[in-house]
C-alpha atoms as a PDB file:
ATOM      1  CA  UNK A   1     358.834 173.970 183.979  1.00  0.00           C
ATOM      2  CA  UNK A   2     355.508 172.413 182.949  1.00  0.00           C
ATOM      3  CA  UNK A   3     355.510 169.873 180.074  1.00  0.00           C
ATOM      4  CA  UNK A   4     352.971 171.955 177.988  1.00  0.00           C
ATOM      5  CA  UNK A   5     355.816 174.505 177.389  1.00  0.00           C
ATOM      6  CA  UNK A   6     357.836 172.112 175.340  1.00  0.00           C
ATOM      7  CA  UNK A   7     357.287 173.866 172.021  1.00  0.00           C
ATOM      8  CA  UNK A   8     358.273 177.302 173.441  1.00  0.00           C
ATOM      9  CA  UNK A   9     361.831 176.029 174.019  1.00  0.00           C
ATOM     10  CA  UNK A  10     362.069 174.091 170.807  1.00  0.00           C
ATOM     11  CA  UNK A  11     361.178 170.552 171.682  1.00  0.00           C
ATOM     12  CA  UNK A  12     358.785 168.437 169.447  1.00  0.00           C
ATOM     13  CA  UNK A  13     357.036 166.919 172.460  1.00  0.00           C
ATOM     14  CA  UNK A  14     356.897 166.994 176.269  1.00  0.00           C
ATOM     15  CA  UNK A  15     358.488 163.598 176.302  1.00  0.00           C
ATOM     16  CA  UNK A  16     361.399 164.718 174.279  1.00  0.00           C
ATOM     17  CA  UNK A  17     361.826 167.700 176.698  1.00  0.00           C
ATOM     18  CA  UNK A  18     361.654 165.354 179.640  1.00  0.00           C
ATOM     19  CA  UNK A  19     364.240 163.052 178.296  1.00  0.00           C
ATOM     20  CA  UNK A  20     366.576 165.924 177.364  1.00  0.00           C
ATOM     21  CA  UNK A  21     366.272 167.656 180.667  1.00  0.00           C
ATOM     22  CA  UNK A  22     366.670 164.413 182.558  1.00  0.00           C
ATOM     23  CA  UNK A  23     369.934 163.555 180.910  1.00  0.00           C
ATOM     24  CA  UNK A  24     371.997 166.344 182.431  1.00  0.00           C
ATOM     25  CA  UNK A  25     371.296 169.205 184.851  1.00  0.00           C
ATOM     26  CA  UNK A  26     372.949 171.540 182.357  1.00  0.00           C
ATOM     27  CA  UNK A  27     370.146 170.963 179.920  1.00  0.00           C
ATOM     28  CA  UNK A  28     367.649 172.041 182.532  1.00  0.00           C
ATOM     29  CA  UNK A  29     369.442 175.266 183.011  1.00  0.00           C
ATOM     30  CA  UNK A  30     369.830 175.976 179.325  1.00  0.00           C
ATOM     31  CA  UNK A  31     366.036 175.097 178.854  1.00  0.00           C
ATOM     32  CA  UNK A  32     365.070 177.506 181.707  1.00  0.00           C
ATOM     33  CA  UNK A  33     367.233 180.337 180.222  1.00  0.00           C
ATOM     34  CA  UNK A  34     365.687 179.732 176.812  1.00  0.00           C
ATOM     35  CA  UNK A  35     362.180 179.808 178.380  1.00  0.00           C
ATOM     36  CA  UNK A  36     362.907 183.125 180.207  1.00  0.00           C
ATOM     37  CA  UNK A  37     364.260 184.733 177.085  1.00  0.00           C
ATOM     38  CA  UNK A  38     361.452 183.522 174.860  1.00  0.00           C
ATOM     39  CA  UNK A  39     358.885 184.959 177.202  1.00  0.00           C
ATOM     40  CA  UNK A  40     360.886 188.289 177.328  1.00  0.00           C
ATOM     41  CA  UNK A  41     361.355 187.840 181.119  1.00  0.00           C
ATOM     42  CA  UNK A  42     365.055 188.627 180.869  1.00  0.00           C
ATOM     43  CA  UNK A  43     364.589 192.349 180.287  1.00  0.00           C
ATOM     44  CA  UNK A  44     363.276 193.413 183.819  1.00  0.00           C
ATOM     45  CA  UNK A  45     363.839 193.062 187.472  1.00  0.00           C
ATOM     46  CA  UNK A  46     363.854 189.891 189.618  1.00  0.00           C
ATOM     47  CA  UNK A  47     360.315 190.741 190.767  1.00  0.00           C
ATOM     48  CA  UNK A  48     359.142 191.025 187.167  1.00  0.00           C
ATOM     49  CA  UNK A  49     360.758 187.699 186.339  1.00  0.00           C
ATOM     50  CA  UNK A  50     359.057 186.042 189.291  1.00  0.00           C
ATOM     51  CA  UNK A  51     355.753 187.692 188.441  1.00  0.00           C
ATOM     52  CA  UNK A  52     355.973 186.551 184.785  1.00  0.00           C
ATOM     53  CA  UNK A  53     356.964 182.970 185.808  1.00  0.00           C
ATOM     54  CA  UNK A  54     354.644 182.439 188.735  1.00  0.00           C
ATOM     55  CA  UNK A  55     351.659 184.524 187.790  1.00  0.00           C
ATOM     56  CA  UNK A  56     350.023 187.470 189.490  1.00  0.00           C
ATOM     57  CA  UNK A  57     350.330 186.223 193.072  1.00  0.00           C
ATOM     58  CA  UNK A  58     352.149 187.976 195.878  1.00  0.00           C
ATOM     59  CA  UNK A  59     355.621 188.608 194.447  1.00  0.00           C
ATOM     60  CA  UNK A  60     357.083 189.355 197.897  1.00  0.00           C
ATOM     61  CA  UNK A  61     355.919 186.014 199.070  1.00  0.00           C
ATOM     62  CA  UNK A  62     357.668 184.219 196.118  1.00  0.00           C
ATOM     63  CA  UNK A  63     360.817 186.299 196.725  1.00  0.00           C
ATOM     64  CA  UNK A  64     360.806 185.178 200.346  1.00  0.00           C
ATOM     65  CA  UNK A  65     360.456 181.514 199.257  1.00  0.00           C
ATOM     66  CA  UNK A  66     363.257 181.873 196.820  1.00  0.00           C
ATOM     67  CA  UNK A  67     365.458 183.620 199.404  1.00  0.00           C
ATOM     68  CA  UNK A  68     364.866 180.702 201.810  1.00  0.00           C
ATOM     69  CA  UNK A  69     365.577 178.064 199.254  1.00  0.00           C
ATOM     70  CA  UNK A  70     368.797 176.047 199.469  1.00  0.00           C
ATOM     71  CA  UNK A  71     370.645 176.374 196.297  1.00  0.00           C
END
Protein backbone atom coordinates (compact mmCIF):
# COMPACT_ATOMS: atom_id res chain seq x y z
CA UNK A 1 0.00 0.00 0.00
CA UNK A 2 1.30 3.41 -0.92
CA UNK A 3 2.20 5.77 1.91
CA UNK A 4 -0.07 8.51 0.59
CA UNK A 5 -3.05 6.35 1.59
CA UNK A 6 -2.29 6.73 5.30
CA UNK A 7 -5.30 8.94 6.07
CA UNK A 8 -7.76 6.59 4.37
CA UNK A 9 -6.97 3.89 6.93
CA UNK A 10 -6.82 6.16 9.96
CA UNK A 11 -3.16 7.07 10.40
CA UNK A 12 -1.98 10.62 11.02
CA UNK A 13 1.05 10.30 8.72
CA UNK A 14 2.78 7.95 6.32
CA UNK A 15 5.52 7.51 8.91
CA UNK A 16 3.00 6.36 11.54
CA UNK A 17 1.49 3.94 9.03
CA UNK A 18 4.94 2.57 8.18
CA UNK A 19 5.87 2.13 11.85
CA UNK A 20 2.62 0.38 12.71
CA UNK A 21 2.68 -1.87 9.67
CA UNK A 22 6.35 -2.73 10.26
CA UNK A 23 5.72 -3.85 13.84
CA UNK A 24 3.63 -6.95 13.08
CA UNK A 25 2.46 -8.57 9.86
CA UNK A 26 -1.03 -8.73 11.37
CA UNK A 27 -1.10 -4.92 11.28
CA UNK A 28 -0.45 -5.06 7.53
CA UNK A 29 -3.35 -7.45 7.04
CA UNK A 30 -5.69 -5.33 9.15
CA UNK A 31 -4.65 -2.16 7.30
CA UNK A 32 -5.23 -3.80 3.93
CA UNK A 33 -8.67 -5.04 4.97
CA UNK A 34 -9.53 -1.55 6.21
CA UNK A 35 -8.33 -0.03 2.93
CA UNK A 36 -10.37 -2.47 0.85
CA UNK A 37 -13.49 -1.76 2.89
CA UNK A 38 -13.02 2.04 2.86
CA UNK A 39 -12.81 2.00 -0.93
CA UNK A 40 -15.87 -0.27 -1.16
CA UNK A 41 -13.86 -2.98 -2.90
CA UNK A 42 -15.20 -5.68 -0.59
CA UNK A 43 -18.59 -5.75 -2.29
CA UNK A 44 -17.70 -7.28 -5.64
CA UNK A 45 -15.83 -10.07 -7.32
CA UNK A 46 -12.12 -10.75 -7.16
CA UNK A 47 -11.74 -9.16 -10.60
CA UNK A 48 -13.46 -6.00 -9.37
CA UNK A 49 -11.19 -5.91 -6.33
CA UNK A 50 -8.10 -6.23 -8.50
CA UNK A 51 -9.37 -3.59 -10.93
CA UNK A 52 -10.09 -1.20 -8.07
CA UNK A 53 -6.74 -1.76 -6.40
CA UNK A 54 -4.48 -1.93 -9.46
CA UNK A 55 -6.28 0.41 -11.83
CA UNK A 56 -7.73 -0.14 -15.25
CA UNK A 57 -5.02 -2.40 -16.64
CA UNK A 58 -5.54 -5.92 -17.87
CA UNK A 59 -7.31 -7.66 -14.99
CA UNK A 60 -6.62 -11.13 -16.38
CA UNK A 61 -2.90 -10.33 -16.40
CA UNK A 62 -3.08 -9.29 -12.73
CA UNK A 63 -5.07 -12.43 -11.87
CA UNK A 64 -2.39 -14.53 -13.51
CA UNK A 65 0.31 -12.80 -11.45
CA UNK A 66 -1.66 -13.34 -8.24
CA UNK A 67 -2.25 -16.98 -9.13
CA UNK A 68 1.49 -17.48 -9.67
CA UNK A 69 2.45 -15.73 -6.43
CA UNK A 70 3.77 -17.80 -3.58
CA UNK A 71 1.69 -17.07 -0.53
